[in-house]
Protein backbone atom coordinates (compact mmCIF):
# COMPACT_ATOMS: atom_id res chain seq x y z
CA MET A 1 10.09 -46.87 81.66
CA ILE A 2 12.33 -48.64 79.63
CA PRO A 3 11.78 -49.62 75.75
CA SER A 4 11.68 -53.52 75.44
CA ILE A 5 14.44 -54.45 73.36
CA GLU A 6 15.72 -58.21 73.12
CA ARG A 7 19.48 -57.17 73.49
CA LEU A 8 19.03 -54.46 76.30
CA LYS A 9 20.75 -55.46 79.47
CA HIS A 10 20.41 -54.34 83.15
CA THR A 11 16.74 -53.68 82.68
CA ASP A 12 16.18 -54.59 86.21
CA SER A 13 18.96 -52.33 87.82
CA GLY A 14 16.45 -49.50 88.33
CA ASN A 15 18.77 -47.02 86.49
CA PHE A 16 18.03 -44.57 83.74
CA PHE A 17 18.93 -46.45 80.16
CA LEU A 18 21.44 -44.83 78.15
CA MET A 19 21.75 -43.91 74.05
CA ALA A 20 25.19 -42.93 73.36
CA GLY A 21 28.04 -43.14 70.82
CA PRO A 22 29.48 -40.86 67.82
CA CYS A 23 27.23 -38.36 65.92
CA ALA A 24 27.86 -40.09 62.96
CA ILE A 25 29.99 -43.34 61.58
CA GLU A 26 33.26 -42.07 60.61
CA SER A 27 34.62 -45.46 60.52
CA GLU A 28 34.36 -48.90 61.84
CA GLU A 29 37.65 -48.75 64.01
CA MET A 30 36.17 -45.56 65.62
CA ALA A 31 32.55 -47.17 66.23
CA MET A 32 34.03 -50.16 67.77
CA GLU A 33 36.34 -48.34 70.11
CA ILE A 34 33.38 -46.42 71.31
CA ALA A 35 31.27 -49.11 71.98
CA GLU A 36 33.73 -51.34 73.40
CA LYS A 37 34.27 -48.18 76.19
CA ILE A 38 31.14 -47.19 76.85
CA LYS A 39 29.95 -51.15 76.97
CA THR A 40 32.45 -51.47 79.64
CA ILE A 41 31.52 -48.63 81.62
CA THR A 42 27.70 -49.29 81.62
CA ASP A 43 28.21 -53.05 82.32
CA LYS A 44 30.32 -51.87 85.22
CA LEU A 45 27.29 -49.32 86.50
CA GLN A 46 24.55 -51.71 85.26
CA ILE A 47 22.77 -49.11 82.79
CA PRO A 48 21.02 -50.42 80.13
CA TYR A 49 22.70 -49.44 77.00
CA ILE A 50 21.92 -48.71 73.26
CA PHE A 51 24.70 -47.70 70.93
CA LYS A 52 23.91 -44.56 68.78
CA GLY A 53 25.36 -43.74 65.46
CA SER A 54 23.97 -41.89 62.66
CA TYR A 55 24.72 -43.95 59.13
CA ARG A 56 24.20 -40.66 57.47
CA LYS A 57 23.69 -37.10 58.36
CA ALA A 58 21.06 -35.39 56.05
CA ASN A 59 20.51 -32.09 57.66
CA ARG A 60 23.65 -30.30 57.33
CA SER A 61 23.81 -26.45 57.02
CA ARG A 62 26.46 -26.36 54.45
CA ILE A 63 26.87 -28.60 51.14
CA ASP A 64 30.59 -29.30 52.05
CA SER A 65 29.63 -30.46 55.38
CA PHE A 66 30.18 -34.38 56.03
CA SER A 67 27.41 -36.47 55.51
CA GLY A 68 28.66 -39.90 55.94
CA ILE A 69 30.97 -42.76 54.57
CA GLY A 70 28.02 -44.44 52.64
CA ASP A 71 24.97 -45.97 53.88
CA GLU A 72 25.49 -49.50 53.53
CA LYS A 73 28.82 -49.44 54.85
CA ALA A 74 27.84 -47.66 57.77
CA LEU A 75 24.74 -49.70 58.51
CA LYS A 76 26.82 -52.69 58.32
CA ILE A 77 29.05 -51.15 60.91
CA LEU A 78 26.05 -50.78 63.14
CA LYS A 79 25.09 -54.30 62.79
CA LYS A 80 28.74 -55.31 63.36
CA VAL A 81 28.66 -53.56 66.89
CA ALA A 82 25.52 -54.92 67.47
CA ASP A 83 26.73 -58.61 67.07
CA THR A 84 29.97 -58.05 68.47
CA PHE A 85 29.02 -56.47 71.73
CA ASP A 86 25.76 -58.07 71.86
CA ILE A 87 23.84 -54.26 72.26
CA PRO A 88 20.97 -52.95 70.70
CA VAL A 89 21.86 -50.13 68.14
CA VAL A 90 19.69 -47.01 67.04
CA THR A 91 20.03 -44.89 63.82
CA ASP A 92 18.40 -41.82 62.32
CA ILE A 93 16.46 -42.20 59.51
CA HIS A 94 15.36 -39.28 56.92
CA SER A 95 12.80 -40.36 54.72
CA ALA A 96 9.84 -43.17 54.71
CA GLU A 97 11.89 -44.93 52.05
CA GLU A 98 14.68 -45.17 54.50
CA ALA A 99 12.79 -47.05 57.20
CA ALA A 100 12.75 -50.53 55.94
CA MET A 101 16.37 -50.55 54.72
CA ALA A 102 17.70 -49.35 58.05
CA ALA A 103 15.31 -51.83 60.03
CA GLN A 104 17.39 -54.57 58.66
CA TYR A 105 20.39 -53.56 60.66
CA VAL A 106 19.09 -51.84 63.63
CA ASP A 107 17.17 -52.15 66.87
CA VAL A 108 15.56 -48.55 67.12
CA LEU A 109 14.69 -46.05 64.62
CA GLN A 110 15.02 -42.34 65.34
CA ILE A 111 13.30 -39.67 63.63
CA PRO A 112 15.26 -36.38 63.77
CA ALA A 113 13.59 -33.41 65.19
CA PHE A 114 13.03 -31.54 62.09
CA LEU A 115 10.93 -34.44 60.96
CA CYS A 116 9.03 -35.44 63.77
CA ARG A 117 5.70 -34.12 62.40
CA GLN A 118 6.24 -35.86 58.99
CA THR A 119 3.35 -38.59 59.08
CA ASP A 120 5.00 -40.82 55.96
CA ILE A 121 8.22 -41.22 58.03
CA LEU A 122 6.30 -41.77 61.19
CA VAL A 123 4.15 -44.59 59.52
CA ALA A 124 6.77 -46.13 57.50
CA ALA A 125 9.03 -46.62 60.83
CA ALA A 126 6.02 -48.00 63.11
CA GLN A 127 5.49 -50.47 60.07
CA THR A 128 9.00 -51.95 60.67
CA GLY A 129 8.10 -53.53 64.04
CA LYS A 130 10.99 -51.55 65.88
CA VAL A 131 11.45 -49.32 68.62
CA VAL A 132 10.38 -45.84 67.22
CA ASN A 133 12.43 -42.86 68.98
CA ILE A 134 10.80 -39.54 68.29
CA LYS A 135 12.99 -36.42 68.76
CA LYS A 136 10.87 -33.77 69.81
CA GLY A 137 10.87 -30.63 67.32
CA GLN A 138 12.61 -27.77 68.64
CA PHE A 139 9.34 -25.78 67.54
CA LEU A 140 7.00 -27.83 69.48
CA SER A 141 5.56 -28.00 72.84
CA ALA A 142 5.70 -31.08 74.68
CA ALA A 143 1.83 -31.67 74.49
CA ALA A 144 2.30 -31.55 70.85
CA MET A 145 4.25 -34.75 70.69
CA GLN A 146 1.16 -36.73 71.55
CA PHE A 147 0.08 -36.55 67.84
CA ALA A 148 3.55 -37.95 66.72
CA VAL A 149 3.01 -40.78 69.28
CA ASN A 150 -0.52 -41.27 68.15
CA LYS A 151 0.62 -41.56 64.55
CA VAL A 152 3.01 -44.65 65.47
CA ILE A 153 0.47 -46.47 67.74
CA ASP A 154 -2.52 -46.06 65.10
CA SER A 155 -0.14 -47.73 62.71
CA GLY A 156 -0.02 -50.76 64.69
CA ASN A 157 3.41 -50.08 66.72
CA THR A 158 3.16 -49.39 70.57
CA LYS A 159 7.10 -49.12 70.99
CA VAL A 160 7.59 -45.51 71.07
CA VAL A 161 10.05 -43.57 72.68
CA LEU A 162 10.04 -39.43 72.95
CA THR A 163 13.26 -37.72 73.12
CA GLU A 164 13.51 -34.04 74.47
CA ARG A 165 16.41 -32.05 72.99
CA GLY A 166 15.57 -28.23 73.79
CA THR A 167 13.32 -25.62 72.33
CA THR A 168 14.39 -22.79 70.09
CA PHE A 169 15.17 -19.64 72.12
CA GLY A 170 15.52 -16.90 69.55
CA TYR A 171 17.79 -17.46 66.30
CA GLN A 172 20.90 -19.07 67.94
CA ASP A 173 20.28 -20.95 70.88
CA LEU A 174 18.07 -23.53 72.62
CA VAL A 175 16.56 -23.84 76.28
CA VAL A 176 15.35 -26.81 77.80
CA ASP A 177 11.95 -26.94 79.89
CA TYR A 178 12.19 -29.57 82.22
CA ARG A 179 8.23 -29.48 82.64
CA GLY A 180 8.00 -31.22 79.01
CA ILE A 181 9.58 -34.48 80.68
CA PRO A 182 6.60 -35.35 83.00
CA GLU A 183 4.38 -34.29 80.39
CA MET A 184 5.37 -36.37 77.75
CA GLN A 185 5.64 -39.34 80.46
CA ALA A 186 2.06 -38.93 81.01
CA MET A 187 1.73 -40.31 77.17
CA ASN A 188 2.69 -43.75 78.76
CA VAL A 189 5.89 -43.75 76.73
CA PRO A 190 9.81 -43.67 77.79
CA VAL A 191 11.10 -40.35 77.74
CA VAL A 192 14.75 -39.30 77.06
CA MET A 193 16.62 -36.46 77.71
CA ASP A 194 19.02 -35.51 74.86
CA ILE A 195 21.88 -33.84 76.90
CA THR A 196 24.21 -32.78 74.26
CA HIS A 197 21.97 -31.74 71.61
CA SER A 198 20.33 -29.56 74.09
CA LEU A 199 23.32 -27.28 74.30
CA GLN A 200 23.47 -26.67 70.36
CA GLN A 201 24.04 -23.16 69.26
CA PRO A 202 22.46 -23.40 65.92
CA ASN A 203 22.54 -21.14 63.00
CA GLN A 204 25.96 -19.71 63.27
CA SER A 205 27.35 -17.38 60.70
CA SER A 206 30.01 -19.88 60.01
CA GLY A 207 27.53 -22.71 58.87
CA VAL A 208 28.66 -24.82 61.49
CA THR A 209 26.50 -25.43 64.69
CA GLY A 210 28.51 -24.51 67.99
CA GLY A 211 27.71 -25.79 71.54
CA LYS A 212 28.19 -25.57 75.26
CA PRO A 213 29.78 -28.72 76.27
CA GLU A 214 30.84 -27.45 79.70
CA LEU A 215 27.21 -27.38 80.48
CA ILE A 216 26.52 -31.37 79.66
CA GLU A 217 26.63 -32.25 83.46
CA THR A 218 24.25 -29.43 84.54
CA VAL A 219 21.61 -30.55 81.94
CA ALA A 220 22.34 -34.23 82.94
CA ARG A 221 21.96 -33.78 86.51
CA ALA A 222 18.68 -32.02 86.30
CA ALA A 223 17.04 -34.43 83.90
CA ILE A 224 17.98 -37.38 86.30
CA ALA A 225 16.72 -35.44 89.43
CA VAL A 226 13.43 -34.75 87.34
CA GLY A 227 12.99 -38.76 86.75
CA VAL A 228 13.66 -38.86 83.02
CA ASP A 229 13.63 -42.38 81.87
CA GLY A 230 16.57 -42.35 79.52
CA ILE A 231 19.57 -40.00 78.65
CA PHE A 232 21.14 -39.55 75.04
CA ILE A 233 24.87 -38.64 74.75
CA GLU A 234 27.08 -37.91 71.79
CA THR A 235 30.67 -38.63 72.68
CA HIS A 236 34.10 -39.09 70.67
CA PRO A 237 37.69 -39.76 71.61
CA ASN A 238 38.20 -36.27 70.62
CA PRO A 239 35.46 -34.05 69.77
CA ALA A 240 37.98 -31.33 68.14
CA VAL A 241 38.24 -33.58 65.14
CA ALA A 242 34.84 -35.17 64.98
CA LYS A 243 33.14 -34.74 61.37
CA SER A 244 30.01 -33.78 62.98
CA ASP A 245 28.55 -31.89 66.23
CA GLY A 246 31.98 -32.19 67.59
CA ALA A 247 31.08 -28.57 69.37
CA ASN A 248 28.50 -30.11 71.83
CA MET A 249 29.92 -33.82 72.20
CA LEU A 250 31.40 -35.41 75.55
CA ARG A 251 34.85 -36.44 75.45
CA LEU A 252 34.93 -40.29 75.75
CA ASP A 253 37.57 -40.38 78.61
CA LEU A 254 34.80 -38.10 80.58
CA LEU A 255 31.89 -40.35 80.31
CA GLU A 256 32.39 -42.90 83.18
CA SER A 257 32.86 -40.33 85.82
CA LEU A 258 29.65 -38.34 84.58
CA LEU A 259 27.76 -41.42 84.36
CA THR A 260 28.95 -42.41 88.07
CA ARG A 261 27.57 -39.44 89.61
CA LEU A 262 24.16 -39.74 87.58
CA VAL A 263 23.71 -43.23 88.80
CA ALA A 264 24.19 -42.08 92.24
CA ILE A 265 21.56 -39.05 91.81
CA ARG A 266 19.13 -41.73 90.45
CA LYS A 267 19.44 -43.79 93.33
CA THR A 268 18.56 -40.84 95.41
CA VAL A 269 15.63 -39.90 93.29
CA ASN A 270 14.50 -43.83 93.32
CA GLY A 271 14.34 -43.30 97.21
CA PHE A 272 11.66 -40.74 97.01
CA ARG A 273 9.38 -42.62 94.52
């Protein structure tokens, strides 16, 4: 299953779709560089592509952590990415009031995992008519996401996507339960595997989230083998200097080789259907 979005290309290729980009919009130059590179790769591999970038990071451990370059400035950059490369874009919202504002610039509104049970946010996102991507809370079972889906549908919007991003394991780690993918697909919505956030190590003593990017391909291969509809990857030309979530991001120059291998796995999986 692939969400219905006007600018989404290659939807008949049989491939998974991809949500990918930087964690946060740091500058127009950086966003355009990443979008152009991924657009070239996904056109080559016939992968439906949605550019991802947060216009603001509201959930930060420390008050001095980077939160954004300004809402309107970042949203205008997302719109420029969409118009320049003719691709859809997705961004997070953090309150009901943000839904209508962000919807003027993007194609998909993303509900952060920590906010996935907030009725007012889900209803406001639904009422924009945009695709609503709900990230599964680290504290919830896959089955519990049916209620979040219902809130959007009951608000008059059937364009829902669910994203798995790992489940809390102890205080400082996450684990992926792949049984949740088919369980959420049974809700008749596309299901995405958030590869990079599933490898976060939250609640570090430094107040900066850690991660295990060396396991990105492991998690991604397993998700494709299970039959996930889409994958979500945060990527940056130099994760070491990224202003948000650098510890678990994929280096941009490694993306093409990873996606090439995942497409090969997808073709094999399609042969069993």
